[in-house]
């Protein structure tokens, strides 16, 4: 990124309330009726040919949000097939921040719940080479549950599986009963 683009990015982000910090630019996004959220924006050296990296502080998010990774990084667009107007870095920054705002707003309101389910299934299916078993009560109460590995259970037709249980004690008792 050349000095002119750096200066332009610094000015645009300052106008949006972001100041230079240790790892990029730091600021907040205000969502009407929802709250204020800390945001970090990193400008890659290839900018404006590459999108800025926008991240939320994951400890501020009240729920898992579609298009936001575990580390808080926002997927504002696909990494391939996106046409960027390299002659409009100001527009790229404005649009990127606005997309991040929309993703956060839709995620916290529950509007993007179908996207979250689609992402979960896409990532889960792509990486899964095991079976999932559950002995968790199917009520609608949010709570922490336990995930245990099932290896070579003598009384199950599965070589490898994951077991979701209400507690470690419940999982251990169930696994012992099936010879795992």
Protein backbone atom coordinates (compact mmCIF):
# COMPACT_ATOMS: atom_id res chain seq x y z
CA UNK A 1 0.00 0.00 0.00
CA UNK A 2 1.53 3.30 -1.02
CA UNK A 3 1.71 6.42 1.16
CA UNK A 4 -1.19 8.15 -0.62
CA UNK A 5 -3.52 5.18 -0.07
CA UNK A 6 -2.39 4.92 3.58
CA UNK A 7 -3.13 8.62 4.12
CA UNK A 8 -6.51 8.28 2.39
CA UNK A 9 -7.44 5.18 4.45
CA UNK A 10 -6.41 6.92 7.68
CA UNK A 11 -8.58 9.93 6.80
CA UNK A 12 -11.63 7.89 5.78
CA UNK A 13 -11.44 5.71 8.88
CA UNK A 14 -10.92 8.77 11.11
CA UNK A 15 -14.11 10.26 9.61
CA UNK A 16 -15.87 7.01 10.55
CA UNK A 17 -14.57 7.24 14.14
CA UNK A 18 -11.60 4.87 13.88
CA UNK A 19 -8.15 5.75 15.17
CA UNK A 20 -4.79 4.06 14.54
CA UNK A 21 -4.09 1.38 17.17
CA UNK A 22 -1.60 -1.42 17.77
CA UNK A 23 -3.09 -3.78 15.17
CA UNK A 24 -4.79 -1.53 12.67
CA UNK A 25 -7.55 0.95 13.36
CA UNK A 26 -9.81 0.76 16.39
CA UNK A 27 -13.24 2.19 16.92
CA UNK A 28 -16.87 1.29 17.53
CA UNK A 29 -20.02 0.57 15.58
CA UNK A 30 -23.25 1.90 17.04
CA UNK A 31 -26.37 -0.13 16.39
CA UNK A 32 -29.63 1.65 17.19
CA UNK A 33 -31.41 -0.03 20.05
CA UNK A 34 -28.77 -2.76 20.34
CA UNK A 35 -25.54 -1.22 21.60
CA UNK A 36 -22.00 -0.14 20.86
CA UNK A 37 -19.40 -2.68 19.72
CA UNK A 38 -15.60 -2.48 19.54
CA UNK A 39 -14.22 -3.00 16.03
CA UNK A 40 -10.71 -3.39 14.62
CA UNK A 41 -9.96 -2.72 10.97
CA UNK A 42 -6.72 -3.88 9.39
CA UNK A 43 -5.68 -2.54 6.01
CA UNK A 44 -3.72 -5.20 4.06
CA UNK A 45 -0.64 -4.12 2.15
CA UNK A 46 -2.44 -5.07 -1.10
CA UNK A 47 -5.31 -2.63 -0.41
CA UNK A 48 -7.31 -1.52 -2.40
CA UNK A 49 -6.90 -4.71 -4.46
CA UNK A 50 -7.71 -6.68 -1.28
CA UNK A 51 -10.52 -5.95 1.19
CA UNK A 52 -9.84 -4.61 4.68
CA UNK A 53 -10.00 -7.11 7.55
CA UNK A 54 -12.73 -6.19 10.02
CA UNK A 55 -13.03 -7.90 13.41
CA UNK A 56 -15.38 -7.61 16.37
CA UNK A 57 -14.34 -8.38 19.92
CA UNK A 58 -15.90 -11.82 20.29
CA UNK A 59 -16.40 -11.34 24.05
CA UNK A 60 -18.84 -8.47 23.28
CA UNK A 61 -21.07 -10.52 21.01
CA UNK A 62 -24.08 -12.00 22.78
CA UNK A 63 -24.43 -14.91 20.38
CA UNK A 64 -22.81 -16.75 17.48
CA UNK A 65 -23.35 -14.73 14.33
CA UNK A 66 -23.39 -15.85 10.69
CA UNK A 67 -20.40 -14.59 8.71
CA UNK A 68 -18.37 -13.92 11.89
CA UNK A 69 -15.59 -16.40 12.66
CA UNK A 70 -14.67 -17.63 16.15
CA UNK A 71 -11.90 -15.03 16.37
CA UNK A 72 -14.36 -12.20 15.63
CA UNK A 73 -13.25 -11.69 12.03
CA UNK A 74 -16.10 -10.72 9.72
CA UNK A 75 -16.52 -12.28 6.29
CA UNK A 76 -17.68 -9.14 4.48
CA UNK A 77 -17.40 -10.77 1.04
CA UNK A 78 -16.15 -13.94 -0.61
CA UNK A 79 -12.38 -13.98 -1.04
CA UNK A 80 -12.65 -14.87 -4.71
CA UNK A 81 -14.81 -13.55 -7.51
CA UNK A 82 -15.30 -10.12 -5.91
CA UNK A 83 -14.61 -7.20 -8.20
CA UNK A 84 -13.06 -4.25 -6.38
CA UNK A 85 -12.82 -0.78 -7.86
CA UNK A 86 -9.16 -0.17 -7.06
CA UNK A 87 -9.66 3.44 -8.08
CA UNK A 88 -12.18 3.96 -5.28
CA UNK A 89 -10.47 2.92 -2.01
CA UNK A 90 -12.67 5.35 -0.08
CA UNK A 91 -15.79 3.58 -1.37
CA UNK A 92 -14.30 0.17 -0.54
CA UNK A 93 -13.72 1.27 3.08
CA UNK A 94 -17.20 2.77 3.47
CA UNK A 95 -18.90 -0.29 1.95
CA UNK A 96 -16.81 -2.71 4.04
CA UNK A 97 -17.71 -0.96 7.30
CA UNK A 98 -21.38 -0.80 6.27
CA UNK A 99 -21.40 -4.53 5.42
CA UNK A 100 -19.86 -5.32 8.81
CA UNK A 101 -22.55 -3.17 10.49
CA UNK A 102 -25.32 -5.04 8.63
CA UNK A 103 -23.84 -8.45 9.45
CA UNK A 104 -23.66 -7.53 13.14
CA UNK A 105 -27.17 -6.06 13.19
CA UNK A 106 -28.76 -9.01 11.39
CA UNK A 107 -26.84 -11.48 13.53
CA UNK A 108 -27.78 -9.94 16.87
CA UNK A 109 -31.43 -9.56 15.84
CA UNK A 110 -31.60 -13.22 14.75
CA UNK A 111 -32.43 -12.23 11.16
CA UNK A 112 -29.39 -14.12 9.81
CA UNK A 113 -30.19 -17.35 11.68
CA UNK A 114 -30.81 -19.27 8.40
CA UNK A 115 -27.35 -18.19 7.18
CA UNK A 116 -25.80 -19.41 10.44
CA UNK A 117 -27.45 -22.81 10.09
CA UNK A 118 -26.30 -23.06 6.45
CA UNK A 119 -22.72 -22.18 7.48
CA UNK A 120 -22.77 -24.71 10.30
CA UNK A 121 -23.95 -27.47 7.99
CA UNK A 122 -21.49 -26.52 5.24
CA UNK A 123 -18.47 -26.50 7.56
CA UNK A 124 -19.63 -29.48 9.62
CA UNK A 125 -20.29 -31.69 6.59
CA UNK A 126 -17.02 -30.74 4.90
CA UNK A 127 -14.89 -31.68 7.89
CA UNK A 128 -16.83 -34.57 9.32
CA UNK A 129 -15.55 -38.11 9.19
CA UNK A 130 -17.37 -39.34 12.28
CA UNK A 131 -20.88 -39.81 13.65
CA UNK A 132 -22.50 -37.54 16.19
CA UNK A 133 -24.55 -39.03 19.01
CA UNK A 134 -26.63 -37.02 21.46
CA UNK A 135 -28.08 -37.83 24.86
CA UNK A 136 -28.91 -34.18 25.48
CA UNK A 137 -32.45 -33.32 26.51
CA UNK A 138 -34.17 -31.73 23.48
CA UNK A 139 -35.65 -28.73 25.31
CA UNK A 140 -35.17 -25.17 24.11
CA UNK A 141 -33.12 -23.98 27.09
CA UNK A 142 -29.69 -22.60 26.10
CA UNK A 143 -26.91 -24.13 28.20
CA UNK A 144 -23.40 -25.53 28.05
CA UNK A 145 -23.13 -29.18 27.12
CA UNK A 146 -20.24 -31.64 26.97
CA UNK A 147 -18.64 -33.15 23.87
CA UNK A 148 -16.89 -36.51 24.36
CA UNK A 149 -15.00 -38.67 21.88
CA UNK A 150 -16.22 -42.24 21.37
CA UNK A 151 -13.45 -44.55 20.16
CA UNK A 152 -13.94 -48.26 19.52
CA UNK A 153 -17.07 -48.78 21.57
CA UNK A 154 -17.41 -52.57 21.69
CA UNK A 155 -21.23 -52.54 21.76
CA UNK A 156 -21.75 -49.90 19.05
CA UNK A 157 -21.40 -50.39 15.30
CA UNK A 158 -19.30 -47.21 15.12
CA UNK A 159 -15.52 -47.02 15.02
CA UNK A 160 -15.43 -43.33 15.90
CA UNK A 161 -18.07 -40.84 17.05
CA UNK A 162 -18.68 -37.75 19.13
CA UNK A 163 -21.12 -37.82 22.03
CA UNK A 164 -23.02 -34.73 23.18
CA UNK A 165 -24.14 -35.00 26.80
CA UNK A 166 -25.55 -32.81 29.58
CA UNK A 167 -22.49 -33.36 31.81
CA UNK A 168 -19.14 -35.15 31.97
CA UNK A 169 -20.61 -37.61 34.47
CA UNK A 170 -23.53 -38.45 32.15
CA UNK A 171 -21.13 -38.95 29.22
CA UNK A 172 -18.79 -41.17 31.26
CA UNK A 173 -21.68 -43.34 32.47
CA UNK A 174 -23.06 -43.73 28.95
CA UNK A 175 -19.65 -44.53 27.44
CA UNK A 176 -18.93 -47.12 30.14
CA UNK A 177 -22.25 -48.81 29.44
CA UNK A 178 -21.30 -49.24 25.77
CA UNK A 179 -17.74 -50.40 26.38
CA UNK A 180 -15.95 -47.23 25.28
